[in-house]
C-alpha atoms as a PDB file:
ATOM      1  CA  MET A   1       0.000   0.000   0.000  1.00  0.00           C
ATOM      2  CA  GLU A   2       1.041   3.525  -0.590  1.00  0.00           C
ATOM      3  CA  LEU A   3       1.799   5.909   2.226  1.00  0.00           C
ATOM      4  CA  THR A   4      -1.011   8.288   1.168  1.00  0.00           C
ATOM      5  CA  VAL A   5      -3.600   5.501   1.450  1.00  0.00           C
ATOM      6  CA  ILE A   6      -2.398   4.614   4.946  1.00  0.00           C
ATOM      7  CA  ILE A   7      -2.524   8.278   5.994  1.00  0.00           C
ATOM      8  CA  ALA A   8      -6.042   8.577   4.531  1.00  0.00           C
ATOM      9  CA  TYR A   9      -7.203   5.525   6.519  1.00  0.00           C
ATOM     10  CA  LEU A  10      -5.692   6.909   9.740  1.00  0.00           C
ATOM     11  CA  PHE A  11      -7.267  10.321   9.119  1.00  0.00           C
ATOM     12  CA  GLY A  12     -10.644   8.639   8.543  1.00  0.00           C
ATOM     13  CA  LEU A  13     -10.315   6.650  11.758  1.00  0.00           C
ATOM     14  CA  VAL A  14      -9.448   9.785  13.735  1.00  0.00           C
ATOM     15  CA  LEU A  15     -12.475  11.599  12.264  1.00  0.00           C
ATOM     16  CA  LEU A  16     -14.701   8.635  13.097  1.00  0.00           C
ATOM     17  CA  TYR A  17     -13.410   8.619  16.665  1.00  0.00           C
ATOM     18  CA  ILE A  18     -14.060  12.366  17.070  1.00  0.00           C
ATOM     19  CA  LEU A  19     -17.568  12.032  15.616  1.00  0.00           C
ATOM     20  CA  ALA A  20     -18.372   9.122  17.934  1.00  0.00           C
ATOM     21  CA  ARG A  21     -17.195  11.123  20.966  1.00  0.00           C
ATOM     22  CA  LEU A  22     -19.322  14.115  19.946  1.00  0.00           C
ATOM     23  CA  LEU A  23     -22.413  11.956  19.554  1.00  0.00           C
ATOM     24  CA  LEU A  24     -21.831  10.012  22.762  1.00  0.00           C
ATOM     25  CA  ILE A  25     -21.945  13.040  25.088  1.00  0.00           C
ATOM     26  CA  PRO A  26     -25.582  14.024  24.266  1.00  0.00           C
ATOM     27  CA  LEU A  27     -26.573  10.363  24.483  1.00  0.00           C
ATOM     28  CA  ARG A  28     -25.177  10.132  28.030  1.00  0.00           C
ATOM     29  CA  LEU A  29     -27.101  13.291  28.987  1.00  0.00           C
ATOM     30  CA  ALA A  30     -30.329  11.906  27.524  1.00  0.00           C
ATOM     31  CA  ILE A  31     -29.903   8.606  29.362  1.00  0.00           C
ATOM     32  CA  ARG A  32     -29.213  10.426  32.635  1.00  0.00           C
ATOM     33  CA  LEU A  33     -32.350  12.579  32.201  1.00  0.00           C
ATOM     34  CA  LEU A  34     -34.411   9.494  31.385  1.00  0.00           C
ATOM     35  CA  ILE A  35     -33.189   7.658  34.485  1.00  0.00           C
ATOM     36  CA  ASN A  36     -33.815  10.720  36.696  1.00  0.00           C
ATOM     37  CA  GLY A  37     -37.287  11.076  35.205  1.00  0.00           C
ATOM     38  CA  VAL A  38     -38.203   7.472  35.908  1.00  0.00           C
ATOM     39  CA  ILE A  39     -36.838   7.615  39.453  1.00  0.00           C
ATOM     40  CA  GLY A  40     -38.539  10.960  40.123  1.00  0.00           C
ATOM     41  CA  GLY A  41     -41.896   9.753  38.810  1.00  0.00           C
ATOM     42  CA  PHE A  42     -41.674   6.567  40.844  1.00  0.00           C
ATOM     43  CA  LEU A  43     -40.832   8.532  43.978  1.00  0.00           C
ATOM     44  CA  LEU A  44     -43.760  10.923  43.435  1.00  0.00           C
ATOM     45  CA  TRP A  45     -46.037   7.928  43.128  1.00  0.00           C
ATOM     46  CA  LEU A  46     -44.481   6.292  46.215  1.00  0.00           C
ATOM     47  CA  VAL A  47     -44.770   9.468  48.305  1.00  0.00           C
ATOM     48  CA  ASN A  48     -48.438   9.780  47.373  1.00  0.00           C
ATOM     49  CA  LEU A  49     -49.088   6.108  48.062  1.00  0.00           C
ATOM     50  CA  LEU A  50     -47.360   6.067  51.455  1.00  0.00           C
ATOM     51  CA  GLY A  51     -48.550   9.588  52.210  1.00  0.00           C
ATOM     52  CA  LEU A  52     -52.131   8.347  52.400  1.00  0.00           C
ATOM     53  CA  PHE A  53     -51.307   6.867  55.810  1.00  0.00           C
ATOM     54  CA  VAL A  54     -49.468   9.965  57.084  1.00  0.00           C
ATOM     55  CA  GLY A  55     -51.392  12.727  55.331  1.00  0.00           C
ATOM     56  CA  VAL A  56     -48.671  13.796  52.901  1.00  0.00           C
ATOM     57  CA  TYR A  57     -49.662  14.462  49.310  1.00  0.00           C
ATOM     58  CA  LEU A  58     -47.708  15.948  46.413  1.00  0.00           C
ATOM     59  CA  PRO A  59     -49.914  16.822  43.455  1.00  0.00           C
ATOM     60  CA  ILE A  60     -48.627  15.472  40.170  1.00  0.00           C
ATOM     61  CA  ASN A  61     -48.733  18.361  37.716  1.00  0.00           C
ATOM     62  CA  PRO A  62     -46.297  19.576  35.043  1.00  0.00           C
ATOM     63  CA  ILE A  63     -44.186  21.588  37.524  1.00  0.00           C
ATOM     64  CA  THR A  64     -43.748  18.801  40.067  1.00  0.00           C
ATOM     65  CA  ALA A  65     -43.135  16.288  37.280  1.00  0.00           C
ATOM     66  CA  LEU A  66     -40.400  18.492  35.771  1.00  0.00           C
ATOM     67  CA  VAL A  67     -38.703  19.108  39.127  1.00  0.00           C
ATOM     68  CA  ALA A  68     -38.813  15.417  40.020  1.00  0.00           C
ATOM     69  CA  GLY A  69     -37.778  14.436  36.503  1.00  0.00           C
ATOM     70  CA  PHE A  70     -34.762  16.714  36.233  1.00  0.00           C
ATOM     71  CA  LEU A  71     -33.500  16.373  39.785  1.00  0.00           C
ATOM     72  CA  GLY A  72     -34.619  12.844  40.693  1.00  0.00           C
ATOM     73  CA  ILE A  73     -34.455  12.019  44.409  1.00  0.00           C
ATOM     74  CA  PRO A  74     -33.278  15.501  45.497  1.00  0.00           C
ATOM     75  CA  GLY A  75     -36.152  16.985  43.479  1.00  0.00           C
ATOM     76  CA  VAL A  76     -38.782  15.011  45.369  1.00  0.00           C
ATOM     77  CA  ILE A  77     -37.137  15.946  48.682  1.00  0.00           C
ATOM     78  CA  LEU A  78     -37.126  19.592  47.561  1.00  0.00           C
ATOM     79  CA  LEU A  79     -40.835  19.395  46.736  1.00  0.00           C
ATOM     80  CA  LEU A  80     -41.608  17.920  50.163  1.00  0.00           C
ATOM     81  CA  VAL A  81     -39.590  20.616  51.927  1.00  0.00           C
ATOM     82  CA  LEU A  82     -41.219  23.372  49.875  1.00  0.00           C
ATOM     83  CA  LYS A  83     -44.651  21.981  50.667  1.00  0.00           C
ATOM     84  CA  TYR A  84     -44.018  22.295  54.378  1.00  0.00           C
ATOM     85  CA  VAL A  85     -42.165  25.624  54.219  1.00  0.00           C
ATOM     86  CA  VAL A  86     -44.818  27.303  52.095  1.00  0.00           C
ATOM     87  CA  GLY A  87     -47.622  25.412  53.828  1.00  0.00           C
ATOM     88  CA  VAL A  88     -49.812  24.868  50.793  1.00  0.00           C
END
């Protein structure tokens, strides 16, 4: 093989590696948001289910779903704290 062909193959492999790295970062972010969303939604449901016995209820609306979805466990804790601080 000629040297130019080998250099072209190496250049193509480097470009493929860079492209894969650029596409992998948003995929990791999307997977993290999906996992936080599932955990947050489950915790909202669990708080409302167990809260029936204690008298704690977090309404599930777009705002609480977004907070729980983006932040996960800390988001649900934040919503519980805000509920008692504000007293709504």
